[in-house]
PDB file of N, CA and C in Angstrom:
ATOM      1  N   GLN A   1      -7.706  46.992 -44.656  1.00  0.00           N
ATOM      2  CA  GLN A   1      -8.142  48.203 -43.954  1.00  0.00           C
ATOM      3  C   GLN A   1      -9.595  48.085 -43.546  1.00  0.00           C
ATOM      4  N   VAL A   2      -9.913  48.808 -42.504  1.00  0.00           N
ATOM      5  CA  VAL A   2     -11.280  48.865 -41.991  1.00  0.00           C
ATOM      6  C   VAL A   2     -11.748  50.307 -42.030  1.00  0.00           C
ATOM      7  N   GLN A   3     -12.940  50.528 -42.570  1.00  0.00           N
ATOM      8  CA  GLN A   3     -13.530  51.864 -42.574  1.00  0.00           C
ATOM      9  C   GLN A   3     -14.696  51.886 -41.587  1.00  0.00           C
ATOM     10  N   LEU A   4     -14.812  52.980 -40.869  1.00  0.00           N
ATOM     11  CA  LEU A   4     -15.853  53.127 -39.847  1.00  0.00           C
ATOM     12  C   LEU A   4     -16.623  54.422 -40.093  1.00  0.00           C
ATOM     13  N   VAL A   5     -17.949  54.323 -40.044  1.00  0.00           N
ATOM     14  CA  VAL A   5     -18.793  55.502 -40.218  1.00  0.00           C
ATOM     15  C   VAL A   5     -19.797  55.553 -39.074  1.00  0.00           C
ATOM     16  N   GLU A   6     -19.749  56.653 -38.320  1.00  0.00           N
ATOM     17  CA  GLU A   6     -20.664  56.847 -37.204  1.00  0.00           C
ATOM     18  C   GLU A   6     -21.888  57.653 -37.637  1.00  0.00           C
ATOM     19  N   SER A   7     -22.964  57.465 -36.889  1.00  0.00           N
ATOM     20  CA  SER A   7     -24.158  58.277 -37.073  1.00  0.00           C
ATOM     21  C   SER A   7     -24.931  58.306 -35.762  1.00  0.00           C
ATOM     22  N   GLY A   8     -25.871  59.229 -35.674  1.00  0.00           N
ATOM     23  CA  GLY A   8     -26.745  59.277 -34.520  1.00  0.00           C
ATOM     24  C   GLY A   8     -26.515  60.437 -33.569  1.00  0.00           C
ATOM     25  N   GLY A   9     -25.426  61.156 -33.744  1.00  0.00           N
ATOM     26  CA  GLY A   9     -25.187  62.290 -32.866  1.00  0.00           C
ATOM     27  C   GLY A   9     -26.232  63.370 -33.063  1.00  0.00           C
ATOM     28  N   ASP A  10     -26.524  64.096 -31.985  1.00  0.00           N
ATOM     29  CA  ASP A  10     -27.585  65.111 -32.067  1.00  0.00           C
ATOM     30  C   ASP A  10     -27.510  66.002 -30.846  1.00  0.00           C
ATOM     31  N   LEU A  11     -28.367  67.012 -30.833  1.00  0.00           N
ATOM     32  CA  LEU A  11     -28.577  67.858 -29.666  1.00  0.00           C
ATOM     33  C   LEU A  11     -29.726  67.254 -28.865  1.00  0.00           C
ATOM     34  N   VAL A  12     -29.492  67.018 -27.580  1.00  0.00           N
ATOM     35  CA  VAL A  12     -30.518  66.409 -26.740  1.00  0.00           C
ATOM     36  C   VAL A  12     -30.536  67.110 -25.385  1.00  0.00           C
ATOM     37  N   GLN A  13     -31.694  67.130 -24.758  1.00  0.00           N
ATOM     38  CA  GLN A  13     -31.823  67.787 -23.460  1.00  0.00           C
ATOM     39  C   GLN A  13     -31.269  66.894 -22.355  1.00  0.00           C
ATOM     40  N   PRO A  14     -30.839  67.490 -21.257  1.00  0.00           N
ATOM     41  CA  PRO A  14     -30.386  66.675 -20.113  1.00  0.00           C
ATOM     42  C   PRO A  14     -31.471  65.692 -19.691  1.00  0.00           C
ATOM     43  N   GLY A  15     -31.044  64.474 -19.394  1.00  0.00           N
ATOM     44  CA  GLY A  15     -31.972  63.411 -19.036  1.00  0.00           C
ATOM     45  C   GLY A  15     -32.465  62.622 -20.230  1.00  0.00           C
ATOM     46  N   GLY A  16     -32.158  63.076 -21.410  1.00  0.00           N
ATOM     47  CA  GLY A  16     -32.613  62.412 -22.623  1.00  0.00           C
ATOM     48  C   GLY A  16     -31.767  61.218 -23.011  1.00  0.00           C
ATOM     49  N   SER A  17     -32.153  60.609 -24.123  1.00  0.00           N
ATOM     50  CA  SER A  17     -31.473  59.406 -24.617  1.00  0.00           C
ATOM     51  C   SER A  17     -31.085  59.595 -26.075  1.00  0.00           C
ATOM     52  N   LEU A  18     -30.094  58.802 -26.459  1.00  0.00           N
ATOM     53  CA  LEU A  18     -29.609  58.862 -27.832  1.00  0.00           C
ATOM     54  C   LEU A  18     -28.960  57.532 -28.147  1.00  0.00           C
ATOM     55  N   ARG A  19     -29.056  57.088 -29.405  1.00  0.00           N
ATOM     56  CA  ARG A  19     -28.346  55.879 -29.806  1.00  0.00           C
ATOM     57  C   ARG A  19     -27.391  56.205 -30.946  1.00  0.00           C
ATOM     58  N   LEU A  20     -26.145  55.911 -30.731  1.00  0.00           N
ATOM     59  CA  LEU A  20     -25.140  56.070 -31.768  1.00  0.00           C
ATOM     60  C   LEU A  20     -24.938  54.745 -32.502  1.00  0.00           C
ATOM     61  N   SER A  21     -24.673  54.844 -33.789  1.00  0.00           N
ATOM     62  CA  SER A  21     -24.403  53.665 -34.600  1.00  0.00           C
ATOM     63  C   SER A  21     -23.062  53.819 -35.300  1.00  0.00           C
ATOM     64  N   CYS A  22     -22.428  52.694 -35.541  1.00  0.00           N
ATOM     65  CA  CYS A  22     -21.172  52.669 -36.286  1.00  0.00           C
ATOM     66  C   CYS A  22     -21.242  51.495 -37.249  1.00  0.00           C
ATOM     67  N   THR A  23     -20.973  51.778 -38.516  1.00  0.00           N
ATOM     68  CA  THR A  23     -20.981  50.730 -39.527  1.00  0.00           C
ATOM     69  C   THR A  23     -19.554  50.509 -40.029  1.00  0.00           C
ATOM     70  N   ALA A  24     -19.126  49.258 -39.954  1.00  0.00           N
ATOM     71  CA  ALA A  24     -17.784  48.901 -40.401  1.00  0.00           C
ATOM     72  C   ALA A  24     -17.842  48.297 -41.797  1.00  0.00           C
ATOM     73  N   SER A  25     -16.808  48.584 -42.586  1.00  0.00           N
ATOM     74  CA  SER A  25     -16.686  47.978 -43.914  1.00  0.00           C
ATOM     75  C   SER A  25     -15.211  47.702 -44.182  1.00  0.00           C
ATOM     76  N   GLY A  26     -14.949  46.987 -45.248  1.00  0.00           N
ATOM     77  CA  GLY A  26     -13.569  46.626 -45.570  1.00  0.00           C
ATOM     78  C   GLY A  26     -13.225  45.266 -44.987  1.00  0.00           C
ATOM     79  N   SER A  27     -12.071  45.196 -44.337  1.00  0.00           N
ATOM     80  CA  SER A  27     -11.575  43.920 -43.790  1.00  0.00           C
ATOM     81  C   SER A  27     -12.207  43.631 -42.426  1.00  0.00           C
ATOM     82  N   ILE A  28     -13.531  43.487 -42.416  1.00  0.00           N
ATOM     83  CA  ILE A  28     -14.268  43.380 -41.142  1.00  0.00           C
ATOM     84  C   ILE A  28     -13.966  42.083 -40.412  1.00  0.00           C
ATOM     85  N   PHE A  29     -13.566  41.045 -41.122  1.00  0.00           N
ATOM     86  CA  PHE A  29     -13.302  39.765 -40.462  1.00  0.00           C
ATOM     87  C   PHE A  29     -11.981  39.770 -39.691  1.00  0.00           C
ATOM     88  N   SER A  30     -11.216  40.843 -39.854  1.00  0.00           N
ATOM     89  CA  SER A  30      -9.970  40.959 -39.100  1.00  0.00           C
ATOM     90  C   SER A  30     -10.164  41.714 -37.774  1.00  0.00           C
ATOM     91  N   ILE A  31     -11.405  42.216 -37.549  1.00  0.00           N
ATOM     92  CA  ILE A  31     -11.665  43.006 -36.346  1.00  0.00           C
ATOM     93  C   ILE A  31     -11.675  42.114 -35.103  1.00  0.00           C
ATOM     94  N   THR A  32     -10.964  42.539 -34.063  1.00  0.00           N
ATOM     95  CA  THR A  32     -10.923  41.784 -32.811  1.00  0.00           C
ATOM     96  C   THR A  32     -11.763  42.438 -31.718  1.00  0.00           C
ATOM     97  N   SER A  33     -11.867  43.744 -31.736  1.00  0.00           N
ATOM     98  CA  SER A  33     -12.700  44.431 -30.749  1.00  0.00           C
ATOM     99  C   SER A  33     -13.132  45.768 -31.332  1.00  0.00           C
ATOM    100  N   MET A  34     -14.211  46.308 -30.770  1.00  0.00           N
ATOM    101  CA  MET A  34     -14.701  47.616 -31.191  1.00  0.00           C
ATOM    102  C   MET A  34     -15.067  48.426 -29.961  1.00  0.00           C
ATOM    103  N   GLY A  35     -15.109  49.724 -30.127  1.00  0.00           N
ATOM    104  CA  GLY A  35     -15.430  50.542 -28.971  1.00  0.00           C
ATOM    105  C   GLY A  35     -15.845  51.944 -29.354  1.00  0.00           C
ATOM    106  N   TRP A  36     -16.233  52.689 -28.348  1.00  0.00           N
ATOM    107  CA  TRP A  36     -16.578  54.099 -28.482  1.00  0.00           C
ATOM    108  C   TRP A  36     -15.655  54.913 -27.585  1.00  0.00           C
ATOM    109  N   TYR A  37     -15.162  55.982 -28.152  1.00  0.00           N
ATOM    110  CA  TYR A  37     -14.365  56.957 -27.418  1.00  0.00           C
ATOM    111  C   TYR A  37     -15.019  58.315 -27.585  1.00  0.00           C
ATOM    112  N   ARG A  38     -14.651  59.256 -26.724  1.00  0.00           N
ATOM    113  CA  ARG A  38     -15.140  60.606 -26.892  1.00  0.00           C
ATOM    114  C   ARG A  38     -14.040  61.611 -26.608  1.00  0.00           C
ATOM    115  N   GLN A  39     -14.237  62.788 -27.189  1.00  0.00           N
ATOM    116  CA  GLN A  39     -13.218  63.822 -27.038  1.00  0.00           C
ATOM    117  C   GLN A  39     -13.874  65.193 -27.040  1.00  0.00           C
ATOM    118  N   THR A  40     -13.410  66.054 -26.141  1.00  0.00           N
ATOM    119  CA  THR A  40     -13.824  67.458 -26.120  1.00  0.00           C
ATOM    120  C   THR A  40     -12.612  68.310 -26.477  1.00  0.00           C
ATOM    121  N   PRO A  41     -12.852  69.522 -26.967  1.00  0.00           N
ATOM    122  CA  PRO A  41     -11.734  70.377 -27.389  1.00  0.00           C
ATOM    123  C   PRO A  41     -10.700  70.570 -26.294  1.00  0.00           C
ATOM    124  N   GLY A  42      -9.455  70.371 -26.636  1.00  0.00           N
ATOM    125  CA  GLY A  42      -8.369  70.579 -25.690  1.00  0.00           C
ATOM    126  C   GLY A  42      -8.091  69.404 -24.784  1.00  0.00           C
ATOM    127  N   ASN A  43      -8.862  68.340 -24.939  1.00  0.00           N
ATOM    128  CA  ASN A  43      -8.688  67.173 -24.080  1.00  0.00           C
ATOM    129  C   ASN A  43      -8.354  65.936 -24.899  1.00  0.00           C
ATOM    130  N   GLN A  44      -7.791  64.947 -24.212  1.00  0.00           N
ATOM    131  CA  GLN A  44      -7.464  63.701 -24.897  1.00  0.00           C
ATOM    132  C   GLN A  44      -8.722  62.882 -25.135  1.00  0.00           C
ATOM    133  N   ARG A  45      -8.660  62.054 -26.144  1.00  0.00           N
ATOM    134  CA  ARG A  45      -9.738  61.128 -26.415  1.00  0.00           C
ATOM    135  C   ARG A  45      -9.775  60.090 -25.282  1.00  0.00           C
ATOM    136  N   GLU A  46     -10.987  59.802 -24.797  1.00  0.00           N
ATOM    137  CA  GLU A  46     -11.099  58.863 -23.688  1.00  0.00           C
ATOM    138  C   GLU A  46     -12.059  57.735 -24.030  1.00  0.00           C
ATOM    139  N   LEU A  47     -11.774  56.584 -23.454  1.00  0.00           N
ATOM    140  CA  LEU A  47     -12.610  55.417 -23.667  1.00  0.00           C
ATOM    141  C   LEU A  47     -13.959  55.606 -23.000  1.00  0.00           C
ATOM    142  N   VAL A  48     -15.016  55.280 -23.744  1.00  0.00           N
ATOM    143  CA  VAL A  48     -16.363  55.266 -23.189  1.00  0.00           C
ATOM    144  C   VAL A  48     -16.775  53.825 -22.890  1.00  0.00           C
ATOM    145  N   ALA A  49     -16.668  52.973 -23.899  1.00  0.00           N
ATOM    146  CA  ALA A  49     -17.041  51.565 -23.749  1.00  0.00           C
ATOM    147  C   ALA A  49     -16.404  50.785 -24.881  1.00  0.00           C
ATOM    148  N   GLU A  50     -16.166  49.503 -24.621  1.00  0.00           N
ATOM    149  CA  GLU A  50     -15.617  48.648 -25.653  1.00  0.00           C
ATOM    150  C   GLU A  50     -16.205  47.256 -25.516  1.00  0.00           C
ATOM    151  N   ILE A  51     -16.164  46.511 -26.633  1.00  0.00           N
ATOM    152  CA  ILE A  51     -16.711  45.168 -26.650  1.00  0.00           C
ATOM    153  C   ILE A  51     -15.797  44.287 -27.492  1.00  0.00           C
ATOM    154  N   SER A  52     -15.486  43.119 -26.963  1.00  0.00           N
ATOM    155  CA  SER A  52     -14.607  42.196 -27.676  1.00  0.00           C
ATOM    156  C   SER A  52     -15.408  41.384 -28.680  1.00  0.00           C
ATOM    157  N   SER A  53     -14.710  40.656 -29.517  1.00  0.00           N
ATOM    158  CA  SER A  53     -15.392  39.804 -30.489  1.00  0.00           C
ATOM    159  C   SER A  53     -16.187  38.709 -29.795  1.00  0.00           C
ATOM    160  N   GLY A  54     -15.804  38.386 -28.553  1.00  0.00           N
ATOM    161  CA  GLY A  54     -16.538  37.386 -27.789  1.00  0.00           C
ATOM    162  C   GLY A  54     -17.698  37.957 -27.000  1.00  0.00           C
ATOM    163  N   GLY A  55     -17.860  39.287 -27.057  1.00  0.00           N
ATOM    164  CA  GLY A  55     -18.993  39.908 -26.388  1.00  0.00           C
ATOM    165  C   GLY A  55     -18.687  40.476 -25.006  1.00  0.00           C
ATOM    166  N   THR A  56     -17.453  40.378 -24.569  1.00  0.00           N
ATOM    167  CA  THR A  56     -17.092  40.955 -23.269  1.00  0.00           C
ATOM    168  C   THR A  56     -17.059  42.473 -23.373  1.00  0.00           C
ATOM    169  N   THR A  57     -17.717  43.125 -22.416  1.00  0.00           N
ATOM    170  CA  THR A  57     -17.806  44.587 -22.446  1.00  0.00           C
ATOM    171  C   THR A  57     -17.004  45.222 -21.315  1.00  0.00           C
ATOM    172  N   ASN A  58     -16.617  46.462 -21.556  1.00  0.00           N
ATOM    173  CA  ASN A  58     -15.893  47.236 -20.564  1.00  0.00           C
ATOM    174  C   ASN A  58     -16.363  48.674 -20.683  1.00  0.00           C
ATOM    175  N   TYR A  59     -16.691  49.282 -19.532  1.00  0.00           N
ATOM    176  CA  TYR A  59     -17.217  50.641 -19.525  1.00  0.00           C
ATOM    177  C   TYR A  59     -16.347  51.555 -18.657  1.00  0.00           C
ATOM    178  N   ALA A  60     -16.280  52.796 -19.074  1.00  0.00           N
ATOM    179  CA  ALA A  60     -15.682  53.802 -18.216  1.00  0.00           C
ATOM    180  C   ALA A  60     -16.605  54.021 -17.021  1.00  0.00           C
ATOM    181  N   ASP A  61     -16.027  54.332 -15.882  1.00  0.00           N
ATOM    182  CA  ASP A  61     -16.833  54.504 -14.665  1.00  0.00           C
ATOM    183  C   ASP A  61     -17.910  55.570 -14.843  1.00  0.00           C
ATOM    184  N   PHE A  62     -17.613  56.609 -15.600  1.00  0.00           N
ATOM    185  CA  PHE A  62     -18.552  57.723 -15.702  1.00  0.00           C
ATOM    186  C   PHE A  62     -19.784  57.408 -16.545  1.00  0.00           C
ATOM    187  N   VAL A  63     -19.836  56.231 -17.181  1.00  0.00           N
ATOM    188  CA  VAL A  63     -21.033  55.882 -17.957  1.00  0.00           C
ATOM    189  C   VAL A  63     -21.697  54.597 -17.473  1.00  0.00           C
ATOM    190  N   LYS A  64     -21.116  53.965 -16.488  1.00  0.00           N
ATOM    191  CA  LYS A  64     -21.694  52.703 -16.011  1.00  0.00           C
ATOM    192  C   LYS A  64     -23.118  52.922 -15.524  1.00  0.00           C
ATOM    193  N   GLY A  65     -24.010  52.062 -16.008  1.00  0.00           N
ATOM    194  CA  GLY A  65     -25.404  52.150 -15.622  1.00  0.00           C
ATOM    195  C   GLY A  65     -26.217  53.078 -16.500  1.00  0.00           C
ATOM    196  N   ARG A  66     -25.538  53.862 -17.346  1.00  0.00           N
ATOM    197  CA  ARG A  66     -26.261  54.801 -18.202  1.00  0.00           C
ATOM    198  C   ARG A  66     -26.115  54.454 -19.691  1.00  0.00           C
ATOM    199  N   PHE A  67     -24.964  53.959 -20.083  1.00  0.00           N
ATOM    200  CA  PHE A  67     -24.692  53.641 -21.482  1.00  0.00           C
ATOM    201  C   PHE A  67     -24.576  52.135 -21.655  1.00  0.00           C
ATOM    202  N   THR A  68     -24.981  51.665 -22.833  1.00  0.00           N
ATOM    203  CA  THR A  68     -24.856  50.244 -23.165  1.00  0.00           C
ATOM    204  C   THR A  68     -24.266  50.101 -24.553  1.00  0.00           C
ATOM    205  N   ILE A  69     -23.194  49.332 -24.641  1.00  0.00           N
ATOM    206  CA  ILE A  69     -22.579  49.061 -25.941  1.00  0.00           C
ATOM    207  C   ILE A  69     -23.048  47.696 -26.431  1.00  0.00           C
ATOM    208  N   SER A  70     -23.277  47.591 -27.736  1.00  0.00           N
ATOM    209  CA  SER A  70     -23.698  46.310 -28.299  1.00  0.00           C
ATOM    210  C   SER A  70     -23.249  46.206 -29.748  1.00  0.00           C
ATOM    211  N   ARG A  71     -23.211  44.985 -30.220  1.00  0.00           N
ATOM    212  CA  ARG A  71     -22.863  44.718 -31.614  1.00  0.00           C
ATOM    213  C   ARG A  71     -23.984  43.901 -32.232  1.00  0.00           C
ATOM    214  N   ASP A  72     -24.325  44.248 -33.442  1.00  0.00           N
ATOM    215  CA  ASP A  72     -25.355  43.541 -34.183  1.00  0.00           C
ATOM    216  C   ASP A  72     -24.683  43.030 -35.445  1.00  0.00           C
ATOM    217  N   ASN A  73     -24.312  41.787 -35.443  1.00  0.00           N
ATOM    218  CA  ASN A  73     -23.476  41.138 -36.455  1.00  0.00           C
ATOM    219  C   ASN A  73     -22.110  41.787 -36.505  1.00  0.00           C
ATOM    220  N   ILE A  74     -21.346  41.444 -37.430  1.00  0.00           N
ATOM    221  CA  ILE A  74     -19.945  41.837 -37.411  1.00  0.00           C
ATOM    222  C   ILE A  74     -19.730  43.271 -37.889  1.00  0.00           C
ATOM    223  N   LYS A  75     -20.774  43.879 -38.473  1.00  0.00           N
ATOM    224  CA  LYS A  75     -20.592  45.188 -39.099  1.00  0.00           C
ATOM    225  C   LYS A  75     -21.087  46.367 -38.276  1.00  0.00           C
ATOM    226  N   LYS A  76     -22.007  46.129 -37.361  1.00  0.00           N
ATOM    227  CA  LYS A  76     -22.680  47.229 -36.692  1.00  0.00           C
ATOM    228  C   LYS A  76     -22.356  47.278 -35.200  1.00  0.00           C
ATOM    229  N   LEU A  77     -22.044  48.479 -34.769  1.00  0.00           N
ATOM    230  CA  LEU A  77     -21.781  48.734 -33.350  1.00  0.00           C
ATOM    231  C   LEU A  77     -22.706  49.839 -32.895  1.00  0.00           C
ATOM    232  N   TYR A  78     -23.214  49.713 -31.662  1.00  0.00           N
ATOM    233  CA  TYR A  78     -24.141  50.698 -31.136  1.00  0.00           C
ATOM    234  C   TYR A  78     -23.695  51.172 -29.763  1.00  0.00           C
ATOM    235  N   LEU A  79     -24.150  52.366 -29.429  1.00  0.00           N
ATOM    236  CA  LEU A  79     -24.001  52.877 -28.078  1.00  0.00           C
ATOM    237  C   LEU A  79     -25.329  53.501 -27.687  1.00  0.00           C
ATOM    238  N   GLN A  80     -26.050  52.827 -26.805  1.00  0.00           N
ATOM    239  CA  GLN A  80     -27.300  53.361 -26.281  1.00  0.00           C
ATOM    240  C   GLN A  80     -26.969  54.212 -25.068  1.00  0.00           C
ATOM    241  N   MET A  81     -27.320  55.486 -25.153  1.00  0.00           N
ATOM    242  CA  MET A  81     -27.000  56.421 -24.077  1.00  0.00           C
ATOM    243  C   MET A  81     -28.292  56.911 -23.433  1.00  0.00           C
ATOM    244  N   THR A  82     -28.406  56.796 -22.137  1.00  0.00           N
ATOM    245  CA  THR A  82     -29.569  57.275 -21.399  1.00  0.00           C
ATOM    246  C   THR A  82     -29.102  58.204 -20.284  1.00  0.00           C
ATOM    247  N   SER A  83     -30.064  58.907 -19.689  1.00  0.00           N
ATOM    248  CA  SER A  83     -29.766  59.845 -18.596  1.00  0.00           C
ATOM    249  C   SER A  83     -28.583  60.747 -18.958  1.00  0.00           C
ATOM    250  N   LEU A  84     -28.633  61.294 -20.147  1.00  0.00           N
ATOM    251  CA  LEU A  84     -27.526  62.118 -20.619  1.00  0.00           C
ATOM    252  C   LEU A  84     -27.394  63.380 -19.780  1.00  0.00           C
ATOM    253  N   GLU A  85     -26.139  63.774 -19.590  1.00  0.00           N
ATOM    254  CA  GLU A  85     -25.809  64.960 -18.805  1.00  0.00           C
ATOM    255  C   GLU A  85     -24.976  65.903 -19.657  1.00  0.00           C
ATOM    256  N   PRO A  86     -24.993  67.196 -19.311  1.00  0.00           N
ATOM    257  CA  PRO A  86     -24.176  68.140 -20.089  1.00  0.00           C
ATOM    258  C   PRO A  86     -22.712  67.710 -20.204  1.00  0.00           C
ATOM    259  N   ARG A  87     -22.173  67.047 -19.196  1.00  0.00           N
ATOM    260  CA  ARG A  87     -20.773  66.609 -19.247  1.00  0.00           C
ATOM    261  C   ARG A  87     -20.536  65.505 -20.279  1.00  0.00           C
ATOM    262  N   ASP A  88     -21.623  64.927 -20.821  1.00  0.00           N
ATOM    263  CA  ASP A  88     -21.482  63.929 -21.880  1.00  0.00           C
ATOM    264  C   ASP A  88     -21.293  64.579 -23.248  1.00  0.00           C
ATOM    265  N   THR A  89     -21.410  65.897 -23.303  1.00  0.00           N
ATOM    266  CA  THR A  89     -21.204  66.608 -24.562  1.00  0.00           C
ATOM    267  C   THR A  89     -19.790  66.377 -25.063  1.00  0.00           C
ATOM    268  N   ALA A  90     -19.688  65.854 -26.289  1.00  0.00           N
ATOM    269  CA  ALA A  90     -18.378  65.542 -26.863  1.00  0.00           C
ATOM    270  C   ALA A  90     -18.581  65.030 -28.283  1.00  0.00           C
ATOM    271  N   LYS A  91     -17.474  64.874 -28.979  1.00  0.00           N
ATOM    272  CA  LYS A  91     -17.506  64.168 -30.253  1.00  0.00           C
ATOM    273  C   LYS A  91     -17.191  62.708 -29.945  1.00  0.00           C
ATOM    274  N   TYR A  92     -18.070  61.831 -30.415  1.00  0.00           N
ATOM    275  CA  TYR A  92     -17.936  60.418 -30.133  1.00  0.00           C
ATOM    276  C   TYR A  92     -17.366  59.700 -31.359  1.00  0.00           C
ATOM    277  N   TYR A  93     -16.352  58.903 -31.110  1.00  0.00           N
ATOM    278  CA  TYR A  93     -15.653  58.203 -32.181  1.00  0.00           C
ATOM    279  C   TYR A  93     -15.798  56.695 -32.043  1.00  0.00           C
ATOM    280  N   CYS A  94     -16.046  56.057 -33.165  1.00  0.00           N
ATOM    281  CA  CYS A  94     -16.044  54.607 -33.235  1.00  0.00           C
ATOM    282  C   CYS A  94     -14.608  54.132 -33.445  1.00  0.00           C
ATOM    283  N   ASN A  95     -14.265  53.074 -32.756  1.00  0.00           N
ATOM    284  CA  ASN A  95     -12.911  52.527 -32.820  1.00  0.00           C
ATOM    285  C   ASN A  95     -12.981  51.034 -33.107  1.00  0.00           C
ATOM    286  N   ALA A  96     -12.046  50.551 -33.894  1.00  0.00           N
ATOM    287  CA  ALA A  96     -11.946  49.108 -34.130  1.00  0.00           C
ATOM    288  C   ALA A  96     -10.475  48.715 -34.122  1.00  0.00           C
ATOM    289  N   ARG A  97     -10.220  47.570 -33.531  1.00  0.00           N
ATOM    290  CA  ARG A  97      -8.875  47.004 -33.563  1.00  0.00           C
ATOM    291  C   ARG A  97      -8.904  45.755 -34.424  1.00  0.00           C
ATOM    292  N   SER A  98      -7.909  45.607 -35.264  1.00  0.00           N
ATOM    293  CA  SER A  98      -7.873  44.446 -36.145  1.00  0.00           C
ATOM    294  C   SER A  98      -6.506  43.791 -36.084  1.00  0.00           C
ATOM    295  N   LYS A  99      -6.467  42.576 -36.560  1.00  0.00           N
ATOM    296  CA  LYS A  99      -5.233  41.800 -36.497  1.00  0.00           C
ATOM    297  C   LYS A  99      -5.028  41.098 -37.828  1.00  0.00           C
ATOM    298  N   GLU A 100      -3.802  41.123 -38.299  1.00  0.00           N
ATOM    299  CA  GLU A 100      -3.454  40.437 -39.539  1.00  0.00           C
ATOM    300  C   GLU A 100      -2.227  39.583 -39.285  1.00  0.00           C
ATOM    301  N   VAL A 101      -2.314  38.348 -39.667  1.00  0.00           N
ATOM    302  CA  VAL A 101      -1.192  37.433 -39.476  1.00  0.00           C
ATOM    303  C   VAL A 101      -0.518  37.176 -40.810  1.00  0.00           C
ATOM    304  N   VAL A 102       0.745  37.572 -40.877  1.00  0.00           N
ATOM    305  CA  VAL A 102       1.596  37.219 -42.015  1.00  0.00           C
ATOM    306  C   VAL A 102       2.759  36.467 -41.396  1.00  0.00           C
ATOM    307  N   ALA A 103       2.578  35.171 -41.314  1.00  0.00           N
ATOM    308  CA  ALA A 103       3.504  34.334 -40.541  1.00  0.00           C
ATOM    309  C   ALA A 103       4.964  34.652 -40.872  1.00  0.00           C
ATOM    310  N   PRO A 104       5.782  34.796 -39.803  1.00  0.00           N
ATOM    311  CA  PRO A 104       5.427  34.578 -38.386  1.00  0.00           C
ATOM    312  C   PRO A 104       4.999  35.834 -37.641  1.00  0.00           C
ATOM    313  N   THR A 105       4.747  36.921 -38.367  1.00  0.00           N
ATOM    314  CA  THR A 105       4.473  38.210 -37.727  1.00  0.00           C
ATOM    315  C   THR A 105       2.977  38.457 -37.603  1.00  0.00           C
ATOM    316  N   VAL A 106       2.561  39.008 -36.456  1.00  0.00           N
ATOM    317  CA  VAL A 106       1.179  39.431 -36.244  1.00  0.00           C
ATOM    318  C   VAL A 106       1.142  40.949 -36.258  1.00  0.00           C
ATOM    319  N   TYR A 107       0.348  41.506 -37.127  1.00  0.00           N
ATOM    320  CA  TYR A 107       0.220  42.958 -37.227  1.00  0.00           C
ATOM    321  C   TYR A 107      -1.101  43.367 -36.578  1.00  0.00           C
ATOM    322  N   GLU A 108      -1.030  44.377 -35.743  1.00  0.00           N
ATOM    323  CA  GLU A 108      -2.236  44.891 -35.098  1.00  0.00           C
ATOM    324  C   GLU A 108      -2.464  46.333 -35.532  1.00  0.00           C
ATOM    325  N   TYR A 109      -3.712  46.652 -35.824  1.00  0.00           N
ATOM    326  CA  TYR A 109      -4.053  47.987 -36.316  1.00  0.00           C
ATOM    327  C   TYR A 109      -5.183  48.576 -35.486  1.00  0.00           C
ATOM    328  N   THR A 110      -5.237  49.893 -35.456  1.00  0.00           N
ATOM    329  CA  THR A 110      -6.327  50.630 -34.818  1.00  0.00           C
ATOM    330  C   THR A 110      -6.944  51.541 -35.864  1.00  0.00           C
ATOM    331  N   HIS A 111      -8.277  51.515 -35.919  1.00  0.00           N
ATOM    332  CA  HIS A 111      -9.007  52.288 -36.916  1.00  0.00           C
ATOM    333  C   HIS A 111      -9.982  53.231 -36.218  1.00  0.00           C
ATOM    334  N   TRP A 112     -10.202  54.375 -36.828  1.00  0.00           N
ATOM    335  CA  TRP A 112     -11.114  55.381 -36.267  1.00  0.00           C
ATOM    336  C   TRP A 112     -12.085  55.870 -37.314  1.00  0.00           C
ATOM    337  N   GLY A 113     -13.285  56.181 -36.864  1.00  0.00           N
ATOM    338  CA  GLY A 113     -14.230  56.876 -37.701  1.00  0.00           C
ATOM    339  C   GLY A 113     -13.999  58.371 -37.607  1.00  0.00           C
ATOM    340  N   GLN A 114     -14.846  59.133 -38.294  1.00  0.00           N
ATOM    341  CA  GLN A 114     -14.707  60.593 -38.323  1.00  0.00           C
ATOM    342  C   GLN A 114     -15.355  61.253 -37.107  1.00  0.00           C
ATOM    343  N   GLY A 115     -16.191  60.515 -36.409  1.00  0.00           N
ATOM    344  CA  GLY A 115     -16.820  61.058 -35.205  1.00  0.00           C
ATOM    345  C   GLY A 115     -18.206  61.608 -35.470  1.00  0.00           C
ATOM    346  N   THR A 116     -19.003  61.631 -34.414  1.00  0.00           N
ATOM    347  CA  THR A 116     -20.338  62.208 -34.475  1.00  0.00           C
ATOM    348  C   THR A 116     -20.547  63.033 -33.207  1.00  0.00           C
ATOM    349  N   GLN A 117     -21.103  64.228 -33.375  1.00  0.00           N
ATOM    350  CA  GLN A 117     -21.203  65.178 -32.260  1.00  0.00           C
ATOM    351  C   GLN A 117     -22.445  64.913 -31.415  1.00  0.00           C
ATOM    352  N   VAL A 118     -22.247  64.816 -30.128  1.00  0.00           N
ATOM    353  CA  VAL A 118     -23.339  64.720 -29.164  1.00  0.00           C
ATOM    354  C   VAL A 118     -23.291  65.962 -28.287  1.00  0.00           C
ATOM    355  N   THR A 119     -24.391  66.685 -28.248  1.00  0.00           N
ATOM    356  CA  THR A 119     -24.482  67.882 -27.422  1.00  0.00           C
ATOM    357  C   THR A 119     -25.668  67.735 -26.485  1.00  0.00           C
ATOM    358  N   VAL A 120     -25.400  67.839 -25.204  1.00  0.00           N
ATOM    359  CA  VAL A 120     -26.449  67.737 -24.186  1.00  0.00           C
ATOM    360  C   VAL A 120     -26.630  69.109 -23.559  1.00  0.00           C
ATOM    361  N   SER A 121     -27.769  69.715 -23.855  1.00  0.00           N
ATOM    362  CA  SER A 121     -28.001  71.082 -23.395  1.00  0.00           C
ATOM    363  C   SER A 121     -29.486  71.379 -23.402  1.00  0.00           C
ATOM    364  N   SER A 122     -29.894  72.232 -22.455  1.00  0.00           N
ATOM    365  CA  SER A 122     -31.288  72.654 -22.440  1.00  0.00           C
ATOM    366  C   SER A 122     -31.458  73.965 -23.203  1.00  0.00           C
TER     367      SER A 122
END
């Protein structure tokens, strides 16, 4: 199992910046990719950005040029957010995908943190 703990959410003014962190523990060597998702009440969770174990990144169109995802060793994931807008207000969740091989079967798992609240408001 993989445990994920997010931090860094806060209230920030429009145009401001924030950095979210996610710390992974447990079976971290089984992680294949990590990412950030966000969710607002009544809406589905949506992908913000993701990064593979090889460092390939993928961003949602609505954050391109404003947010940057990065990993610092195998345990830490970050989301640097700049030029924040009120529409970025949401609960942000850290996500990790892991893989376990018990020959001949490959098991794939998805893990979630508890989320951290980001509120953009003046």
